[in-house]
């Protein structure tokens, strides 16, 4: 079994790969959803996935790991643990991601952004903006699942454990087979 199949099997085994009609955080619709929180119920599986991801991060120079809450929390913390780095997180306040809890980023501090799943990368870009506004340096982005198939681009390198593309649809272009299934917002 190759790494991609092993990763997908972990998602299947933990109930994290869902099928139905989903409205993603990006506003797009899809017949598939990665509910990474289901993987995070099994910390041994999280450690296994992050170990594979950490190997891909060997050449990334960073001081700190920053993850957006909620989806990136467990993964970001495990990446920081395995890399031996400090961990902080950004959380929503008035609809925007911000640093709270007295987290600080020093001028010139190199930050690795860790997210669970990206489709368009909006929350990752919010984290990059936070880093720069604090005088830090975005070092790279690490994601468990890049469901954009590599189309999501950032100003720094992006390392994904699994690059997987399921079709997504604009709200006004939903195919008939999805229109007949009730759409749900599964959360991150």
Protein backbone atom coordinates (compact mmCIF):
# COMPACT_ATOMS: atom_id res chain seq x y z
CA UNK A 1 0.00 0.00 0.00
CA UNK A 2 1.51 3.37 -1.00
CA UNK A 3 1.45 6.37 1.34
CA UNK A 4 -1.59 8.00 -0.31
CA UNK A 5 -3.63 4.81 0.02
CA UNK A 6 -2.45 4.39 3.63
CA UNK A 7 -3.52 7.97 4.43
CA UNK A 8 -6.92 7.52 2.78
CA UNK A 9 -7.38 4.26 4.68
CA UNK A 10 -6.74 6.09 7.97
CA UNK A 11 -9.45 8.61 6.99
CA UNK A 12 -11.86 5.79 6.11
CA UNK A 13 -11.07 3.79 9.27
CA UNK A 14 -11.73 6.79 11.51
CA UNK A 15 -14.89 7.93 9.71
CA UNK A 16 -13.19 11.14 8.59
CA UNK A 17 -13.94 10.82 4.86
CA UNK A 18 -17.65 11.58 4.45
CA UNK A 19 -19.94 11.36 1.44
CA UNK A 20 -23.15 13.35 0.94
CA UNK A 21 -23.85 17.01 0.08
CA UNK A 22 -21.66 19.44 1.97
CA UNK A 23 -21.33 23.20 2.03
CA UNK A 24 -17.65 23.89 2.66
CA UNK A 25 -16.29 26.83 4.66
CA UNK A 26 -15.32 28.36 1.31
CA UNK A 27 -19.02 28.41 0.31
CA UNK A 28 -18.45 25.77 -2.35
CA UNK A 29 -20.52 22.58 -2.43
CA UNK A 30 -19.07 19.07 -2.59
CA UNK A 31 -20.13 15.44 -2.45
CA UNK A 32 -17.14 14.65 -0.19
CA UNK A 33 -15.86 16.11 3.04
CA UNK A 34 -12.76 15.47 5.12
CA UNK A 35 -13.84 15.73 8.77
CA UNK A 36 -10.35 15.74 10.25
CA UNK A 37 -11.78 16.08 13.75
CA UNK A 38 -12.76 12.41 13.44
CA UNK A 39 -9.11 11.48 12.87
CA UNK A 40 -8.21 13.61 15.90
CA UNK A 41 -10.29 11.31 18.10
CA UNK A 42 -7.47 8.81 17.63
CA UNK A 43 -4.21 10.39 18.72
CA UNK A 44 -2.19 7.38 17.62
CA UNK A 45 -3.47 7.96 14.07
CA UNK A 46 -2.73 11.71 14.36
CA UNK A 47 0.83 10.88 15.41
CA UNK A 48 1.14 8.50 12.46
CA UNK A 49 -0.12 11.09 9.95
CA UNK A 50 2.01 13.89 11.37
CA UNK A 51 5.08 11.65 11.34
CA UNK A 52 4.60 11.25 7.58
CA UNK A 53 4.01 15.01 7.20
CA UNK A 54 7.02 15.91 9.37
CA UNK A 55 9.30 13.95 7.03
CA UNK A 56 8.19 16.28 4.24
CA UNK A 57 8.97 19.29 6.45
CA UNK A 58 12.61 18.33 7.11
CA UNK A 59 14.01 21.27 5.09
CA UNK A 60 11.63 23.89 6.52
CA UNK A 61 13.33 26.26 8.96
CA UNK A 62 10.88 27.54 11.57
CA UNK A 63 10.83 28.67 15.18
CA UNK A 64 7.12 28.29 15.90
CA UNK A 65 4.02 26.52 14.61
CA UNK A 66 0.79 28.53 14.22
CA UNK A 67 -2.55 26.82 13.55
CA UNK A 68 -6.02 28.27 13.01
CA UNK A 69 -8.60 27.06 15.52
CA UNK A 70 -10.44 24.75 15.48
CA UNK A 71 -9.40 22.47 12.64
CA UNK A 72 -5.65 22.94 12.92
CA UNK A 73 -5.30 22.76 16.70
CA UNK A 74 -4.57 19.08 17.30
CA UNK A 75 -2.50 18.73 14.13
CA UNK A 76 -0.55 21.93 14.76
CA UNK A 77 0.22 20.89 18.29
CA UNK A 78 1.42 17.46 17.15
CA UNK A 79 3.56 18.97 14.37
CA UNK A 80 5.14 21.32 16.92
CA UNK A 81 5.72 18.42 19.32
CA UNK A 82 7.37 16.26 16.66
CA UNK A 83 9.49 19.15 15.37
CA UNK A 84 10.38 20.35 18.88
CA UNK A 85 8.91 23.83 18.26
CA UNK A 86 6.68 26.26 20.15
CA UNK A 87 2.95 26.10 19.33
CA UNK A 88 0.41 28.95 19.19
CA UNK A 89 -2.99 29.26 17.58
CA UNK A 90 -5.24 31.88 16.06
CA UNK A 91 -8.96 31.93 16.78
CA UNK A 92 -12.04 33.74 15.57
CA UNK A 93 -13.00 37.06 17.09
CA UNK A 94 -15.73 39.11 15.41
CA UNK A 95 -15.49 36.86 12.35
CA UNK A 96 -11.71 37.19 11.84
CA UNK A 97 -8.77 35.09 12.96
CA UNK A 98 -6.65 36.83 15.60
CA UNK A 99 -4.00 35.99 18.15
CA UNK A 100 -5.44 36.01 21.67
CA UNK A 101 -4.44 34.53 25.03
CA UNK A 102 -1.39 36.80 25.08
CA UNK A 103 0.32 34.88 22.26
CA UNK A 104 3.12 36.95 20.75
CA UNK A 105 5.16 36.70 17.58
CA UNK A 106 8.62 38.27 17.73
CA UNK A 107 10.02 40.37 14.92
CA UNK A 108 11.76 38.02 12.50
CA UNK A 109 10.33 34.87 14.10
CA UNK A 110 9.91 32.17 11.44
CA UNK A 111 6.44 30.64 11.58
CA UNK A 112 5.11 27.42 10.04
CA UNK A 113 1.32 27.54 9.47
CA UNK A 114 -0.42 24.17 9.96
CA UNK A 115 -3.99 23.51 8.79
CA UNK A 116 -6.02 20.34 8.50
CA UNK A 117 -7.70 20.78 5.10
CA UNK A 118 -7.53 23.50 2.46
CA UNK A 119 -9.82 24.10 -0.49
CA UNK A 120 -9.04 27.72 -1.29
CA UNK A 121 -6.72 28.45 1.64
CA UNK A 122 -8.58 31.37 3.18
CA UNK A 123 -7.72 30.60 6.82
CA UNK A 124 -4.09 29.94 5.92
CA UNK A 125 -3.89 33.35 4.26
CA UNK A 126 -5.43 34.93 7.35
CA UNK A 127 -2.68 33.31 9.44
CA UNK A 128 0.01 34.55 7.06
CA UNK A 129 -1.42 38.08 7.39
CA UNK A 130 -1.33 37.78 11.20
CA UNK A 131 2.31 36.66 11.12
CA UNK A 132 3.34 39.57 8.88
CA UNK A 133 1.35 42.14 10.87
CA UNK A 134 3.27 41.07 13.99
CA UNK A 135 6.65 41.35 12.25
CA UNK A 136 7.10 37.59 11.93
CA UNK A 137 8.20 35.73 8.82
CA UNK A 138 5.92 33.13 7.25
CA UNK A 139 8.21 30.14 6.63
CA UNK A 140 5.85 27.63 5.00
CA UNK A 141 2.42 26.08 5.11
CA UNK A 142 1.79 22.44 6.05
CA UNK A 143 -1.59 20.80 5.51
CA UNK A 144 -2.90 17.33 6.06
CA UNK A 145 -5.19 17.41 3.02
CA UNK A 146 -4.96 19.78 0.06
CA UNK A 147 -8.28 19.22 -1.65
CA UNK A 148 -7.48 21.93 -4.19
CA UNK A 149 -5.16 19.52 -6.00
CA UNK A 150 -2.36 22.07 -5.70
CA UNK A 151 -4.42 24.99 -7.01
CA UNK A 152 -4.38 26.87 -3.67
CA UNK A 153 -1.27 29.04 -3.74
CA UNK A 154 0.49 30.93 -0.98
CA UNK A 155 3.44 33.30 -0.87
CA UNK A 156 5.46 30.58 0.87
CA UNK A 157 5.97 26.89 0.08
CA UNK A 158 3.03 24.60 0.85
CA UNK A 159 3.64 21.02 1.93
CA UNK A 160 0.68 18.65 1.95
CA UNK A 161 0.47 15.11 3.19
CA UNK A 162 -2.31 14.26 0.76
CA UNK A 163 -3.20 16.18 -2.38
CA UNK A 164 -6.64 15.01 -3.35
CA UNK A 165 -9.24 16.63 -5.54
CA UNK A 166 -12.93 16.01 -5.17
CA UNK A 167 -15.08 18.19 -7.40
CA UNK A 168 -16.46 21.36 -5.83
CA UNK A 169 -19.28 23.49 -7.16
CA UNK A 170 -20.35 27.10 -6.91
CA UNK A 171 -23.76 27.45 -5.17
CA UNK A 172 -25.47 28.32 -8.46
CA UNK A 173 -23.87 25.42 -10.37
CA UNK A 174 -24.74 22.40 -8.22
CA UNK A 175 -25.20 19.25 -10.36
CA UNK A 176 -28.53 17.44 -10.25
CA UNK A 177 -27.18 14.44 -8.32
CA UNK A 178 -26.27 16.77 -5.41
CA UNK A 179 -29.40 18.93 -5.60
CA UNK A 180 -31.46 15.93 -4.48
CA UNK A 181 -29.42 15.50 -1.28
CA UNK A 182 -29.94 17.84 1.65
CA UNK A 183 -26.91 20.12 2.01
CA UNK A 184 -25.22 20.27 5.41
CA UNK A 185 -22.53 22.49 6.94
CA UNK A 186 -20.31 19.84 8.56
CA UNK A 187 -17.98 22.33 10.30
CA UNK A 188 -14.22 22.13 10.37
